[in-house]
PDB file of N, CA and C in Angstrom:
ATOM      1  N   MET A   1       4.016   6.188  21.680  1.00  0.00           N
ATOM      2  CA  MET A   1       3.911   5.369  20.655  1.00  0.00           C
ATOM      3  C   MET A   1       4.871   5.277  19.865  1.00  0.00           C
ATOM      4  N   PRO A   2       5.167   4.090  19.258  1.00  0.00           N
ATOM      5  CA  PRO A   2       6.445   4.134  18.147  1.00  0.00           C
ATOM      6  C   PRO A   2       5.782   4.853  16.847  1.00  0.00           C
ATOM      7  N   VAL A   3       6.990   5.581  16.458  1.00  0.00           N
ATOM      8  CA  VAL A   3       6.815   6.191  15.155  1.00  0.00           C
ATOM      9  C   VAL A   3       8.038   5.867  14.114  1.00  0.00           C
ATOM     10  N   PHE A   4       7.899   6.154  12.929  1.00  0.00           N
ATOM     11  CA  PHE A   4       9.094   6.019  11.923  1.00  0.00           C
ATOM     12  C   PHE A   4       9.446   7.543  11.546  1.00  0.00           C
ATOM     13  N   HIS A   5      10.530   7.971  11.849  1.00  0.00           N
ATOM     14  CA  HIS A   5      11.215   9.112  11.307  1.00  0.00           C
ATOM     15  C   HIS A   5      11.800   8.794   9.975  1.00  0.00           C
ATOM     16  N   VAL A   6      11.314   9.071   8.679  1.00  0.00           N
ATOM     17  CA  VAL A   6      11.798   8.630   7.467  1.00  0.00           C
ATOM     18  C   VAL A   6      12.423   9.802   6.883  1.00  0.00           C
ATOM     19  N   TYR A   7      13.751   9.196   6.334  1.00  0.00           N
ATOM     20  CA  TYR A   7      14.790  10.070   5.633  1.00  0.00           C
ATOM     21  C   TYR A   7      14.987   9.802   4.223  1.00  0.00           C
ATOM     22  N   LEU A   8      14.989  10.909   3.255  1.00  0.00           N
ATOM     23  CA  LEU A   8      15.276  10.781   1.886  1.00  0.00           C
ATOM     24  C   LEU A   8      16.458  11.388   1.496  1.00  0.00           C
ATOM     25  N   ASN A   9      17.603  10.852   1.035  1.00  0.00           N
ATOM     26  CA  ASN A   9      18.988  11.385   0.807  1.00  0.00           C
ATOM     27  C   ASN A   9      19.206  12.549   1.810  1.00  0.00           C
ATOM     28  N   GLY A  10      19.071  12.047   3.175  1.00  0.00           N
ATOM     29  CA  GLY A  10      19.649  12.920   4.349  1.00  0.00           C
ATOM     30  C   GLY A  10      18.639  14.006   4.566  1.00  0.00           C
ATOM     31  N   LYS A  11      17.254  14.219   3.861  1.00  0.00           N
ATOM     32  CA  LYS A  11      16.121  14.986   4.416  1.00  0.00           C
ATOM     33  C   LYS A  11      15.212  14.011   4.868  1.00  0.00           C
ATOM     34  N   LYS A  12      14.612  14.679   6.175  1.00  0.00           N
ATOM     35  CA  LYS A  12      13.519  14.150   6.863  1.00  0.00           C
ATOM     36  C   LYS A  12      12.247  14.451   5.910  1.00  0.00           C
ATOM     37  N   VAL A  13      11.647  13.498   5.600  1.00  0.00           N
ATOM     38  CA  VAL A  13      10.406  13.498   4.716  1.00  0.00           C
ATOM     39  C   VAL A  13       8.991  13.166   5.240  1.00  0.00           C
ATOM     40  N   SER A  14       9.266  12.462   6.399  1.00  0.00           N
ATOM     41  CA  SER A  14       7.793  12.144   7.046  1.00  0.00           C
ATOM     42  C   SER A  14       8.075  11.821   8.470  1.00  0.00           C
ATOM     43  N   THR A  15       7.106  11.841   9.385  1.00  0.00           N
ATOM     44  CA  THR A  15       7.125  11.247  10.573  1.00  0.00           C
ATOM     45  C   THR A  15       5.726  10.729  10.824  1.00  0.00           C
ATOM     46  N   ALA A  16       5.668   9.319  10.834  1.00  0.00           N
ATOM     47  CA  ALA A  16       4.433   8.535  10.829  1.00  0.00           C
ATOM     48  C   ALA A  16       4.221   7.660  11.939  1.00  0.00           C
ATOM     49  N   GLY A  17       2.799   7.547  12.352  1.00  0.00           N
ATOM     50  CA  GLY A  17       2.828   6.737  13.530  1.00  0.00           C
ATOM     51  C   GLY A  17       1.035   6.667  13.707  1.00  0.00           C
ATOM     52  N   VAL A  18       0.717   5.546  14.166  1.00  0.00           N
ATOM     53  CA  VAL A  18      -0.749   5.223  14.102  1.00  0.00           C
ATOM     54  C   VAL A  18      -1.439   5.043  15.557  1.00  0.00           C
ATOM     55  N   GLY A  19      -0.697   5.686  16.524  1.00  0.00           N
ATOM     56  CA  GLY A  19      -1.440   5.490  17.941  1.00  0.00           C
ATOM     57  C   GLY A  19      -1.051   4.175  18.597  1.00  0.00           C
ATOM     58  N   ASP A  20      -1.893   3.909  19.664  1.00  0.00           N
ATOM     59  CA  ASP A  20      -1.624   2.589  20.568  1.00  0.00           C
ATOM     60  C   ASP A  20      -1.994   1.086  19.746  1.00  0.00           C
ATOM     61  N   LEU A  21      -2.958   1.198  18.912  1.00  0.00           N
ATOM     62  CA  LEU A  21      -3.340  -0.080  18.148  1.00  0.00           C
ATOM     63  C   LEU A  21      -3.207   0.297  16.799  1.00  0.00           C
ATOM     64  N   GLY A  22      -2.440  -0.653  16.097  1.00  0.00           N
ATOM     65  CA  GLY A  22      -2.622  -0.355  14.575  1.00  0.00           C
ATOM     66  C   GLY A  22      -1.378  -1.310  14.111  1.00  0.00           C
ATOM     67  N   VAL A  23      -1.105  -0.850  12.617  1.00  0.00           N
ATOM     68  CA  VAL A  23      -0.256  -1.438  11.828  1.00  0.00           C
ATOM     69  C   VAL A  23       0.542  -0.158  11.308  1.00  0.00           C
ATOM     70  N   LEU A  24       1.893  -0.186  11.194  1.00  0.00           N
ATOM     71  CA  LEU A  24       2.737   0.913  10.579  1.00  0.00           C
ATOM     72  C   LEU A  24       3.770   0.505   9.741  1.00  0.00           C
ATOM     73  N   GLY A  25       3.872   0.621   8.633  1.00  0.00           N
ATOM     74  CA  GLY A  25       4.761   0.242   7.681  1.00  0.00           C
ATOM     75  C   GLY A  25       5.544   1.143   6.726  1.00  0.00           C
ATOM     76  N   ALA A  26       6.821   0.665   6.493  1.00  0.00           N
ATOM     77  CA  ALA A  26       7.430   1.652   5.270  1.00  0.00           C
ATOM     78  C   ALA A  26       8.105   0.529   4.401  1.00  0.00           C
ATOM     79  N   HIS A  27       8.098   0.761   3.171  1.00  0.00           N
ATOM     80  CA  HIS A  27       8.287  -0.284   2.332  1.00  0.00           C
ATOM     81  C   HIS A  27       8.982   0.249   1.043  1.00  0.00           C
ATOM     82  N   VAL A  28      10.214  -0.188   0.701  1.00  0.00           N
ATOM     83  CA  VAL A  28      10.958   0.083  -0.410  1.00  0.00           C
ATOM     84  C   VAL A  28      10.982  -1.035  -1.593  1.00  0.00           C
ATOM     85  N   SER A  29      10.156  -0.691  -2.667  1.00  0.00           N
ATOM     86  CA  SER A  29      10.180  -1.880  -3.644  1.00  0.00           C
ATOM     87  C   SER A  29      10.410  -1.532  -5.292  1.00  0.00           C
ATOM     88  N   TRP A  30      10.913  -2.467  -5.729  1.00  0.00           N
ATOM     89  CA  TRP A  30      11.260  -2.331  -7.160  1.00  0.00           C
ATOM     90  C   TRP A  30      10.505  -3.306  -7.855  1.00  0.00           C
ATOM     91  N   VAL A  31       9.874  -2.883  -9.029  1.00  0.00           N
ATOM     92  CA  VAL A  31       9.308  -3.891 -10.084  1.00  0.00           C
ATOM     93  C   VAL A  31       9.501  -3.559 -11.432  1.00  0.00           C
ATOM     94  N   ARG A  32       9.734  -4.831 -12.102  1.00  0.00           N
ATOM     95  CA  ARG A  32      10.162  -4.822 -13.578  1.00  0.00           C
ATOM     96  C   ARG A  32       9.235  -5.541 -14.447  1.00  0.00           C
ATOM     97  N   ARG A  33       8.253  -4.943 -15.100  1.00  0.00           N
ATOM     98  CA  ARG A  33       7.136  -5.685 -16.051  1.00  0.00           C
ATOM     99  C   ARG A  33       7.799  -5.696 -17.462  1.00  0.00           C
ATOM    100  N   LYS A  34       7.340  -6.820 -18.015  1.00  0.00           N
ATOM    101  CA  LYS A  34       7.556  -6.734 -19.636  1.00  0.00           C
ATOM    102  C   LYS A  34       6.319  -7.347 -20.283  1.00  0.00           C
ATOM    103  N   GLY A  35       6.131  -7.064 -21.590  1.00  0.00           N
ATOM    104  CA  GLY A  35       5.362  -7.589 -22.254  1.00  0.00           C
ATOM    105  C   GLY A  35       3.603  -7.474 -22.053  1.00  0.00           C
ATOM    106  N   GLU A  36       3.151  -8.548 -21.902  1.00  0.00           N
ATOM    107  CA  GLU A  36       1.623  -8.519 -21.692  1.00  0.00           C
ATOM    108  C   GLU A  36       1.244  -7.858 -20.116  1.00  0.00           C
ATOM    109  N   HIS A  37       2.479  -7.797 -19.319  1.00  0.00           N
ATOM    110  CA  HIS A  37       2.234  -7.408 -17.841  1.00  0.00           C
ATOM    111  C   HIS A  37       2.221  -6.019 -17.703  1.00  0.00           C
ATOM    112  N   THR A  38       2.473  -5.300 -18.655  1.00  0.00           N
ATOM    113  CA  THR A  38       2.707  -3.802 -18.643  1.00  0.00           C
ATOM    114  C   THR A  38       1.422  -3.341 -18.961  1.00  0.00           C
ATOM    115  N   LEU A  39       1.235  -2.066 -18.559  1.00  0.00           N
ATOM    116  CA  LEU A  39      -0.012  -1.086 -18.858  1.00  0.00           C
ATOM    117  C   LEU A  39      -0.243  -1.325 -20.256  1.00  0.00           C
ATOM    118  N   ALA A  40       0.771  -1.079 -21.334  1.00  0.00           N
ATOM    119  CA  ALA A  40       0.703  -1.038 -22.708  1.00  0.00           C
ATOM    120  C   ALA A  40       0.247  -2.183 -23.233  1.00  0.00           C
ATOM    121  N   LYS A  41       0.436  -3.489 -22.574  1.00  0.00           N
ATOM    122  CA  LYS A  41       0.362  -4.848 -23.066  1.00  0.00           C
ATOM    123  C   LYS A  41       0.746  -4.974 -24.229  1.00  0.00           C
ATOM    124  N   LYS A  42       1.916  -4.436 -24.798  1.00  0.00           N
ATOM    125  CA  LYS A  42       2.525  -4.907 -25.952  1.00  0.00           C
ATOM    126  C   LYS A  42       3.830  -5.652 -25.835  1.00  0.00           C
ATOM    127  N   ALA A  43       4.128  -6.521 -26.598  1.00  0.00           N
ATOM    128  CA  ALA A  43       5.273  -7.553 -26.500  1.00  0.00           C
ATOM    129  C   ALA A  43       6.633  -6.901 -26.287  1.00  0.00           C
ATOM    130  N   ASP A  44       6.894  -5.522 -26.861  1.00  0.00           N
ATOM    131  CA  ASP A  44       8.129  -5.010 -26.835  1.00  0.00           C
ATOM    132  C   ASP A  44       8.111  -4.132 -25.199  1.00  0.00           C
ATOM    133  N   SER A  45       7.057  -3.871 -24.809  1.00  0.00           N
ATOM    134  CA  SER A  45       6.981  -2.910 -23.545  1.00  0.00           C
ATOM    135  C   SER A  45       7.760  -3.556 -22.283  1.00  0.00           C
ATOM    136  N   VAL A  46       8.436  -2.638 -21.686  1.00  0.00           N
ATOM    137  CA  VAL A  46       9.105  -2.649 -20.673  1.00  0.00           C
ATOM    138  C   VAL A  46       8.602  -1.542 -19.454  1.00  0.00           C
ATOM    139  N   GLU A  47       8.299  -2.004 -18.297  1.00  0.00           N
ATOM    140  CA  GLU A  47       7.989  -0.875 -17.295  1.00  0.00           C
ATOM    141  C   GLU A  47       8.842  -1.108 -16.057  1.00  0.00           C
ATOM    142  N   GLU A  48       9.006  -0.169 -15.187  1.00  0.00           N
ATOM    143  CA  GLU A  48      10.092  -0.226 -14.228  1.00  0.00           C
ATOM    144  C   GLU A  48       9.455   0.733 -13.193  1.00  0.00           C
ATOM    145  N   GLU A  49       9.284   0.361 -11.887  1.00  0.00           N
ATOM    146  CA  GLU A  49       8.944   1.107 -10.807  1.00  0.00           C
ATOM    147  C   GLU A  49      10.065   1.029  -9.637  1.00  0.00           C
ATOM    148  N   LEU A  50      10.343   2.007  -8.819  1.00  0.00           N
ATOM    149  CA  LEU A  50      11.064   1.959  -7.699  1.00  0.00           C
ATOM    150  C   LEU A  50      10.614   3.039  -6.897  1.00  0.00           C
ATOM    151  N   THR A  51       9.885   2.498  -5.688  1.00  0.00           N
ATOM    152  CA  THR A  51       9.130   3.442  -4.935  1.00  0.00           C
ATOM    153  C   THR A  51       9.329   2.989  -3.579  1.00  0.00           C
ATOM    154  N   LEU A  52       8.891   4.232  -2.848  1.00  0.00           N
ATOM    155  CA  LEU A  52       9.019   4.371  -1.267  1.00  0.00           C
ATOM    156  C   LEU A  52       7.392   4.434  -0.847  1.00  0.00           C
ATOM    157  N   HIS A  53       6.984   3.677  -0.096  1.00  0.00           N
ATOM    158  CA  HIS A  53       5.597   3.705   0.611  1.00  0.00           C
ATOM    159  C   HIS A  53       5.748   3.843   2.234  1.00  0.00           C
ATOM    160  N   VAL A  54       4.937   4.837   2.831  1.00  0.00           N
ATOM    161  CA  VAL A  54       5.062   4.784   4.120  1.00  0.00           C
ATOM    162  C   VAL A  54       3.402   4.970   4.563  1.00  0.00           C
ATOM    163  N   GLY A  55       2.876   4.111   5.423  1.00  0.00           N
ATOM    164  CA  GLY A  55       1.550   3.890   5.763  1.00  0.00           C
ATOM    165  C   GLY A  55       1.100   2.804   6.785  1.00  0.00           C
ATOM    166  N   GLY A  56      -0.144   2.939   6.887  1.00  0.00           N
ATOM    167  CA  GLY A  56      -0.725   1.861   8.013  1.00  0.00           C
ATOM    168  C   GLY A  56      -2.034   1.865   8.235  1.00  0.00           C
ATOM    169  N   LEU A  57      -2.559   1.209   9.316  1.00  0.00           N
ATOM    170  CA  LEU A  57      -3.951   1.047   9.706  1.00  0.00           C
ATOM    171  C   LEU A  57      -3.925   1.589  10.793  1.00  0.00           C
ATOM    172  N   ILE A  58      -4.859   2.478  11.505  1.00  0.00           N
ATOM    173  CA  ILE A  58      -5.460   2.809  12.598  1.00  0.00           C
ATOM    174  C   ILE A  58      -6.654   1.739  13.124  1.00  0.00           C
ATOM    175  N   SER A  59      -6.155   0.757  13.696  1.00  0.00           N
ATOM    176  CA  SER A  59      -7.254  -0.255  13.937  1.00  0.00           C
ATOM    177  C   SER A  59      -8.511   0.091  14.601  1.00  0.00           C
ATOM    178  N   PRO A  60      -8.527   0.867  15.863  1.00  0.00           N
ATOM    179  CA  PRO A  60      -9.854   1.252  16.247  1.00  0.00           C
ATOM    180  C   PRO A  60     -10.895   1.693  15.246  1.00  0.00           C
ATOM    181  N   ALA A  61     -10.355   2.565  14.410  1.00  0.00           N
ATOM    182  CA  ALA A  61     -11.225   3.299  13.525  1.00  0.00           C
ATOM    183  C   ALA A  61     -11.236   2.634  12.133  1.00  0.00           C
ATOM    184  N   GLN A  62     -10.716   1.660  11.879  1.00  0.00           N
ATOM    185  CA  GLN A  62     -10.563   0.729  10.686  1.00  0.00           C
ATOM    186  C   GLN A  62     -10.134   1.703   9.486  1.00  0.00           C
ATOM    187  N   GLU A  63      -9.148   2.581   9.743  1.00  0.00           N
ATOM    188  CA  GLU A  63      -8.924   3.617   8.629  1.00  0.00           C
ATOM    189  C   GLU A  63      -7.677   3.287   8.208  1.00  0.00           C
ATOM    190  N   HIS A  64      -7.231   3.250   6.992  1.00  0.00           N
ATOM    191  CA  HIS A  64      -5.862   3.260   6.158  1.00  0.00           C
ATOM    192  C   HIS A  64      -5.410   4.708   5.986  1.00  0.00           C
ATOM    193  N   VAL A  65      -4.127   4.622   6.456  1.00  0.00           N
ATOM    194  CA  VAL A  65      -3.507   6.201   6.367  1.00  0.00           C
ATOM    195  C   VAL A  65      -2.128   6.004   5.643  1.00  0.00           C
ATOM    196  N   ARG A  66      -2.007   6.984   4.911  1.00  0.00           N
ATOM    197  CA  ARG A  66      -0.975   7.154   3.851  1.00  0.00           C
ATOM    198  C   ARG A  66      -0.150   8.296   4.039  1.00  0.00           C
ATOM    199  N   TRP A  67       1.156   8.382   4.593  1.00  0.00           N
ATOM    200  CA  TRP A  67       2.055   9.397   4.671  1.00  0.00           C
ATOM    201  C   TRP A  67       2.718   9.640   3.346  1.00  0.00           C
ATOM    202  N   LEU A  68       3.152   8.827   2.650  1.00  0.00           N
ATOM    203  CA  LEU A  68       4.170   8.944   1.659  1.00  0.00           C
ATOM    204  C   LEU A  68       3.989   7.833   0.520  1.00  0.00           C
ATOM    205  N   ASP A  69       4.008   8.352  -0.699  1.00  0.00           N
ATOM    206  CA  ASP A  69       4.267   7.410  -1.877  1.00  0.00           C
ATOM    207  C   ASP A  69       5.284   8.129  -2.739  1.00  0.00           C
ATOM    208  N   ARG A  70       6.361   7.764  -2.750  1.00  0.00           N
ATOM    209  CA  ARG A  70       7.268   8.431  -3.588  1.00  0.00           C
ATOM    210  C   ARG A  70       8.206   7.526  -4.510  1.00  0.00           C
ATOM    211  N   ASP A  71       8.279   8.181  -5.744  1.00  0.00           N
ATOM    212  CA  ASP A  71       9.409   7.538  -6.777  1.00  0.00           C
ATOM    213  C   ASP A  71      10.722   7.610  -6.289  1.00  0.00           C
ATOM    214  N   LEU A  72      11.472   6.588  -6.278  1.00  0.00           N
ATOM    215  CA  LEU A  72      12.804   6.598  -6.071  1.00  0.00           C
ATOM    216  C   LEU A  72      13.517   6.480  -7.479  1.00  0.00           C
ATOM    217  N   LYS A  73      14.771   6.734  -7.349  1.00  0.00           N
ATOM    218  CA  LYS A  73      16.000   6.381  -8.357  1.00  0.00           C
ATOM    219  C   LYS A  73      17.102   5.713  -7.708  1.00  0.00           C
ATOM    220  N   ILE A  74      17.824   4.955  -8.671  1.00  0.00           N
ATOM    221  CA  ILE A  74      19.066   4.403  -8.314  1.00  0.00           C
ATOM    222  C   ILE A  74      20.043   5.477  -7.594  1.00  0.00           C
ATOM    223  N   GLY A  75      20.456   4.993  -6.389  1.00  0.00           N
ATOM    224  CA  GLY A  75      21.609   5.964  -5.754  1.00  0.00           C
ATOM    225  C   GLY A  75      20.616   6.532  -4.500  1.00  0.00           C
ATOM    226  N   ASP A  76      19.354   6.598  -4.502  1.00  0.00           N
ATOM    227  CA  ASP A  76      18.768   7.291  -3.417  1.00  0.00           C
ATOM    228  C   ASP A  76      18.993   6.398  -1.854  1.00  0.00           C
ATOM    229  N   GLU A  77      19.018   7.235  -0.984  1.00  0.00           N
ATOM    230  CA  GLU A  77      19.286   6.594   0.277  1.00  0.00           C
ATOM    231  C   GLU A  77      18.014   6.933   1.201  1.00  0.00           C
ATOM    232  N   VAL A  78      17.415   5.764   1.591  1.00  0.00           N
ATOM    233  CA  VAL A  78      16.426   5.970   2.749  1.00  0.00           C
ATOM    234  C   VAL A  78      16.732   5.295   3.818  1.00  0.00           C
ATOM    235  N   ARG A  79      16.600   6.176   4.877  1.00  0.00           N
ATOM    236  CA  ARG A  79      16.690   5.770   6.145  1.00  0.00           C
ATOM    237  C   ARG A  79      15.603   6.014   7.184  1.00  0.00           C
ATOM    238  N   ILE A  80      15.376   4.947   7.925  1.00  0.00           N
ATOM    239  CA  ILE A  80      14.258   4.979   8.959  1.00  0.00           C
ATOM    240  C   ILE A  80      14.746   4.908  10.469  1.00  0.00           C
ATOM    241  N   THR A  81      14.450   5.978  11.133  1.00  0.00           N
ATOM    242  CA  THR A  81      14.682   5.767  12.490  1.00  0.00           C
ATOM    243  C   THR A  81      13.381   5.222  13.412  1.00  0.00           C
ATOM    244  N   VAL A  82      13.545   4.172  14.101  1.00  0.00           N
ATOM    245  CA  VAL A  82      12.081   4.021  14.951  1.00  0.00           C
ATOM    246  C   VAL A  82      12.386   4.738  16.463  1.00  0.00           C
ATOM    247  N   ALA A  83      11.169   5.540  16.710  1.00  0.00           N
ATOM    248  CA  ALA A  83      11.527   6.372  18.041  1.00  0.00           C
ATOM    249  C   ALA A  83      10.291   6.262  18.567  1.00  0.00           C
ATOM    250  N   GLU A  84      10.283   6.820  19.761  1.00  0.00           N
ATOM    251  CA  GLU A  84       8.983   6.636  20.730  1.00  0.00           C
ATOM    252  C   GLU A  84       8.638   8.249  20.833  1.00  0.00           C
ATOM    253  N   ASP A  85       7.463   8.398  20.292  1.00  0.00           N
ATOM    254  CA  ASP A  85       7.160  10.034  20.208  1.00  0.00           C
ATOM    255  C   ASP A  85       5.449  10.081  20.367  1.00  0.00           C
ATOM    256  N   SER A  86       5.092  11.302  20.525  1.00  0.00           N
ATOM    257  CA  SER A  86       3.452  11.357  20.322  1.00  0.00           C
ATOM    258  C   SER A  86       3.044  12.311  19.210  1.00  0.00           C
ATOM    259  N   LYS A  87       3.882  13.005  18.480  1.00  0.00           N
ATOM    260  CA  LYS A  87       3.782  13.640  17.310  1.00  0.00           C
ATOM    261  C   LYS A  87       3.940  13.197  16.020  1.00  0.00           C
ATOM    262  N   VAL A  88       3.103  13.165  15.184  1.00  0.00           N
ATOM    263  CA  VAL A  88       3.319  12.740  13.876  1.00  0.00           C
ATOM    264  C   VAL A  88       2.893  13.756  12.896  1.00  0.00           C
ATOM    265  N   ASP A  89       3.179  13.498  11.640  1.00  0.00           N
ATOM    266  CA  ASP A  89       2.791  14.267  10.514  1.00  0.00           C
ATOM    267  C   ASP A  89       1.446  13.967  10.228  1.00  0.00           C
ATOM    268  N   ARG A  90       0.483  14.844   9.726  1.00  0.00           N
ATOM    269  CA  ARG A  90      -0.832  14.561   9.077  1.00  0.00           C
ATOM    270  C   ARG A  90      -0.736  13.584   8.000  1.00  0.00           C
ATOM    271  N   PRO A  91      -1.267  12.610   8.153  1.00  0.00           N
ATOM    272  CA  PRO A  91      -1.294  11.697   6.716  1.00  0.00           C
ATOM    273  C   PRO A  91      -1.828  12.322   5.459  1.00  0.00           C
ATOM    274  N   ARG A  92      -1.249  11.973   4.532  1.00  0.00           N
ATOM    275  CA  ARG A  92      -1.683  12.562   3.108  1.00  0.00           C
ATOM    276  C   ARG A  92      -2.981  12.091   2.759  1.00  0.00           C
ATOM    277  N   SER A  93      -3.336  10.934   3.282  1.00  0.00           N
ATOM    278  CA  SER A  93      -4.760  10.254   2.805  1.00  0.00           C
ATOM    279  C   SER A  93      -5.084   9.522   3.979  1.00  0.00           C
ATOM    280  N   ARG A  94      -6.553   9.414   3.963  1.00  0.00           N
ATOM    281  CA  ARG A  94      -7.129   8.644   5.158  1.00  0.00           C
ATOM    282  C   ARG A  94      -8.338   7.678   4.045  1.00  0.00           C
ATOM    283  N   GLU A  95      -8.641   6.505   4.603  1.00  0.00           N
ATOM    284  CA  GLU A  95      -9.593   5.651   3.909  1.00  0.00           C
ATOM    285  C   GLU A  95     -10.125   4.920   4.969  1.00  0.00           C
ATOM    286  N   ARG A  96     -11.419   5.172   5.401  1.00  0.00           N
ATOM    287  CA  ARG A  96     -12.057   4.100   6.295  1.00  0.00           C
ATOM    288  C   ARG A  96     -12.603   2.867   5.509  1.00  0.00           C
ATOM    289  N   ARG A  97     -12.742   2.110   6.278  1.00  0.00           N
ATOM    290  CA  ARG A  97     -13.209   0.496   5.645  1.00  0.00           C
ATOM    291  C   ARG A  97     -14.606   0.738   5.098  1.00  0.00           C
ATOM    292  N   ASP A  98     -14.790   0.133   4.062  1.00  0.00           N
ATOM    293  CA  ASP A  98     -16.065   0.133   3.268  1.00  0.00           C
ATOM    294  C   ASP A  98     -16.555  -1.255   3.220  1.00  0.00           C
ATOM    295  N   ARG A  99     -17.402  -1.612   4.034  1.00  0.00           N
ATOM    296  CA  ARG A  99     -17.712  -3.034   3.998  1.00  0.00           C
ATOM    297  C   ARG A  99     -18.598  -3.494   2.662  1.00  0.00           C
ATOM    298  N   VAL A 100     -19.178  -2.470   2.266  1.00  0.00           N
ATOM    299  CA  VAL A 100     -20.238  -2.864   1.185  1.00  0.00           C
ATOM    300  C   VAL A 100     -19.138  -2.997  -0.172  1.00  0.00           C
ATOM    301  N   LYS A 101     -18.258  -2.106   0.041  1.00  0.00           N
ATOM    302  CA  LYS A 101     -17.084  -2.210  -1.206  1.00  0.00           C
ATOM    303  C   LYS A 101     -16.383  -3.435  -1.221  1.00  0.00           C
ATOM    304  N   GLU A 102     -16.183  -4.004  -0.005  1.00  0.00           N
ATOM    305  CA  GLU A 102     -15.457  -5.227   0.082  1.00  0.00           C
ATOM    306  C   GLU A 102     -16.299  -6.408  -0.189  1.00  0.00           C
ATOM    307  N   LEU A 103     -17.604  -6.534   0.262  1.00  0.00           N
ATOM    308  CA  LEU A 103     -18.310  -7.475  -0.205  1.00  0.00           C
ATOM    309  C   LEU A 103     -18.178  -7.666  -1.720  1.00  0.00           C
ATOM    310  N   ARG A 104     -18.647  -6.448  -2.223  1.00  0.00           N
ATOM    311  CA  ARG A 104     -18.635  -6.521  -3.969  1.00  0.00           C
ATOM    312  C   ARG A 104     -17.356  -7.067  -4.349  1.00  0.00           C
ATOM    313  N   SER A 105     -16.343  -6.590  -3.844  1.00  0.00           N
ATOM    314  CA  SER A 105     -15.036  -7.048  -4.286  1.00  0.00           C
ATOM    315  C   SER A 105     -14.689  -8.625  -3.891  1.00  0.00           C
ATOM    316  N   GLN A 106     -15.300  -9.159  -2.822  1.00  0.00           N
ATOM    317  CA  GLN A 106     -15.216 -10.574  -2.778  1.00  0.00           C
ATOM    318  C   GLN A 106     -15.951 -11.371  -3.590  1.00  0.00           C
ATOM    319  N   LYS A 107     -17.298 -10.993  -3.829  1.00  0.00           N
ATOM    320  CA  LYS A 107     -18.040 -11.567  -4.589  1.00  0.00           C
ATOM    321  C   LYS A 107     -17.604 -11.718  -6.116  1.00  0.00           C
ATOM    322  N   ARG A 108     -17.058 -10.541  -6.751  1.00  0.00           N
ATOM    323  CA  ARG A 108     -16.337 -10.539  -7.965  1.00  0.00           C
ATOM    324  C   ARG A 108     -15.308 -11.615  -8.125  1.00  0.00           C
ATOM    325  N   TYR A 109     -14.352 -11.620  -6.888  1.00  0.00           N
ATOM    326  CA  TYR A 109     -13.293 -12.520  -6.854  1.00  0.00           C
ATOM    327  C   TYR A 109     -13.862 -14.122  -6.973  1.00  0.00           C
ATOM    328  N   VAL A 110     -15.018 -14.375  -6.229  1.00  0.00           N
ATOM    329  CA  VAL A 110     -15.242 -15.610  -6.308  1.00  0.00           C
ATOM    330  C   VAL A 110     -15.904 -16.100  -7.695  1.00  0.00           C
ATOM    331  N   ARG A 111     -16.688 -15.042  -8.282  1.00  0.00           N
ATOM    332  CA  ARG A 111     -16.862 -15.159  -9.674  1.00  0.00           C
ATOM    333  C   ARG A 111     -15.957 -15.544 -10.839  1.00  0.00           C
ATOM    334  N   VAL A 112     -15.006 -14.777 -10.443  1.00  0.00           N
ATOM    335  CA  VAL A 112     -13.562 -14.847 -11.387  1.00  0.00           C
ATOM    336  C   VAL A 112     -13.086 -16.211 -11.109  1.00  0.00           C
ATOM    337  N   MET A 113     -12.902 -16.755  -9.891  1.00  0.00           N
ATOM    338  CA  MET A 113     -12.186 -17.844  -9.651  1.00  0.00           C
ATOM    339  C   MET A 113     -13.177 -19.125  -9.841  1.00  0.00           C
ATOM    340  N   ALA A 114     -14.359 -19.096  -9.689  1.00  0.00           N
ATOM    341  CA  ALA A 114     -15.393 -20.140 -10.108  1.00  0.00           C
ATOM    342  C   ALA A 114     -15.224 -20.260 -11.819  1.00  0.00           C
ATOM    343  N   LYS A 115     -15.035 -19.079 -12.513  1.00  0.00           N
ATOM    344  CA  LYS A 115     -15.081 -19.128 -13.951  1.00  0.00           C
ATOM    345  C   LYS A 115     -13.456 -19.943 -14.281  1.00  0.00           C
ATOM    346  N   LYS A 116     -12.734 -19.370 -13.556  1.00  0.00           N
ATOM    347  CA  LYS A 116     -11.242 -20.010 -13.904  1.00  0.00           C
ATOM    348  C   LYS A 116     -11.346 -21.456 -13.739  1.00  0.00           C
ATOM    349  N   PHE A 117     -12.095 -22.039 -12.987  1.00  0.00           N
ATOM    350  CA  PHE A 117     -12.066 -23.525 -12.534  1.00  0.00           C
ATOM    351  C   PHE A 117     -13.118 -24.208 -13.187  1.00  0.00           C
ATOM    352  N   GLY A 118     -13.934 -23.467 -13.928  1.00  0.00           N
ATOM    353  CA  GLY A 118     -14.958 -24.103 -14.681  1.00  0.00           C
ATOM    354  C   GLY A 118     -16.054 -24.626 -13.664  1.00  0.00           C
ATOM    355  N   TRP A 119     -16.390 -23.641 -12.485  1.00  0.00           N
ATOM    356  CA  TRP A 119     -17.488 -23.924 -11.502  1.00  0.00           C
ATOM    357  C   TRP A 119     -18.697 -23.356 -11.949  1.00  0.00           C
ATOM    358  N   LYS A 120     -19.748 -23.815 -11.637  1.00  0.00           N
ATOM    359  CA  LYS A 120     -21.038 -23.017 -11.754  1.00  0.00           C
ATOM    360  C   LYS A 120     -21.449 -22.381 -10.080  1.00  0.00           C
ATOM    361  N   ILE A 121     -21.815 -21.316 -10.171  1.00  0.00           N
ATOM    362  CA  ILE A 121     -22.325 -20.747  -8.759  1.00  0.00           C
ATOM    363  C   ILE A 121     -23.842 -20.950  -8.763  1.00  0.00           C
ATOM    364  N   GLN A 122     -24.300 -21.630  -7.831  1.00  0.00           N
ATOM    365  CA  GLN A 122     -25.722 -21.704  -7.777  1.00  0.00           C
ATOM    366  C   GLN A 122     -26.169 -21.187  -6.341  1.00  0.00           C
ATOM    367  N   ALA A 123     -27.048 -20.049  -6.290  1.00  0.00           N
ATOM    368  CA  ALA A 123     -27.448 -19.232  -5.229  1.00  0.00           C
ATOM    369  C   ALA A 123     -28.502 -20.277  -4.447  1.00  0.00           C
ATOM    370  N   GLN A 124     -28.394 -20.137  -3.023  1.00  0.00           N
ATOM    371  CA  GLN A 124     -29.557 -20.947  -2.154  1.00  0.00           C
ATOM    372  C   GLN A 124     -30.551 -19.848  -2.218  1.00  0.00           C
ATOM    373  N   ARG A 125     -31.644 -20.204  -2.003  1.00  0.00           N
ATOM    374  CA  ARG A 125     -32.788 -19.499  -1.938  1.00  0.00           C
ATOM    375  C   ARG A 125     -33.640 -19.868  -0.610  1.00  0.00           C
TER     376      ARG A 125
END
């Protein structure tokens, strides 16, 4: 199976893989927020994030897995080697699909969007 060997500043920090069916991803992201878009929601607030995430989805089990969520700093070097291997590190977290939670979330989204557009939701009986 394909795996990602992930290195940070020359040190191996993770080997991730999801088996024969699934999704595997490694993502470096930078975000800068100001004002009302920050957690503080103050006009003069500024927040910045620089992170590395390694995770995926094991499709047959509908299980989201995560190996790494790490803060980065300017100058860090991230290297990913894609390899074929059968051994991976144990994920730090696993979360199975919760269909009840998904349905609640979808309903909440529909209510928010209906309100935004001035629509009225009418349930059928």
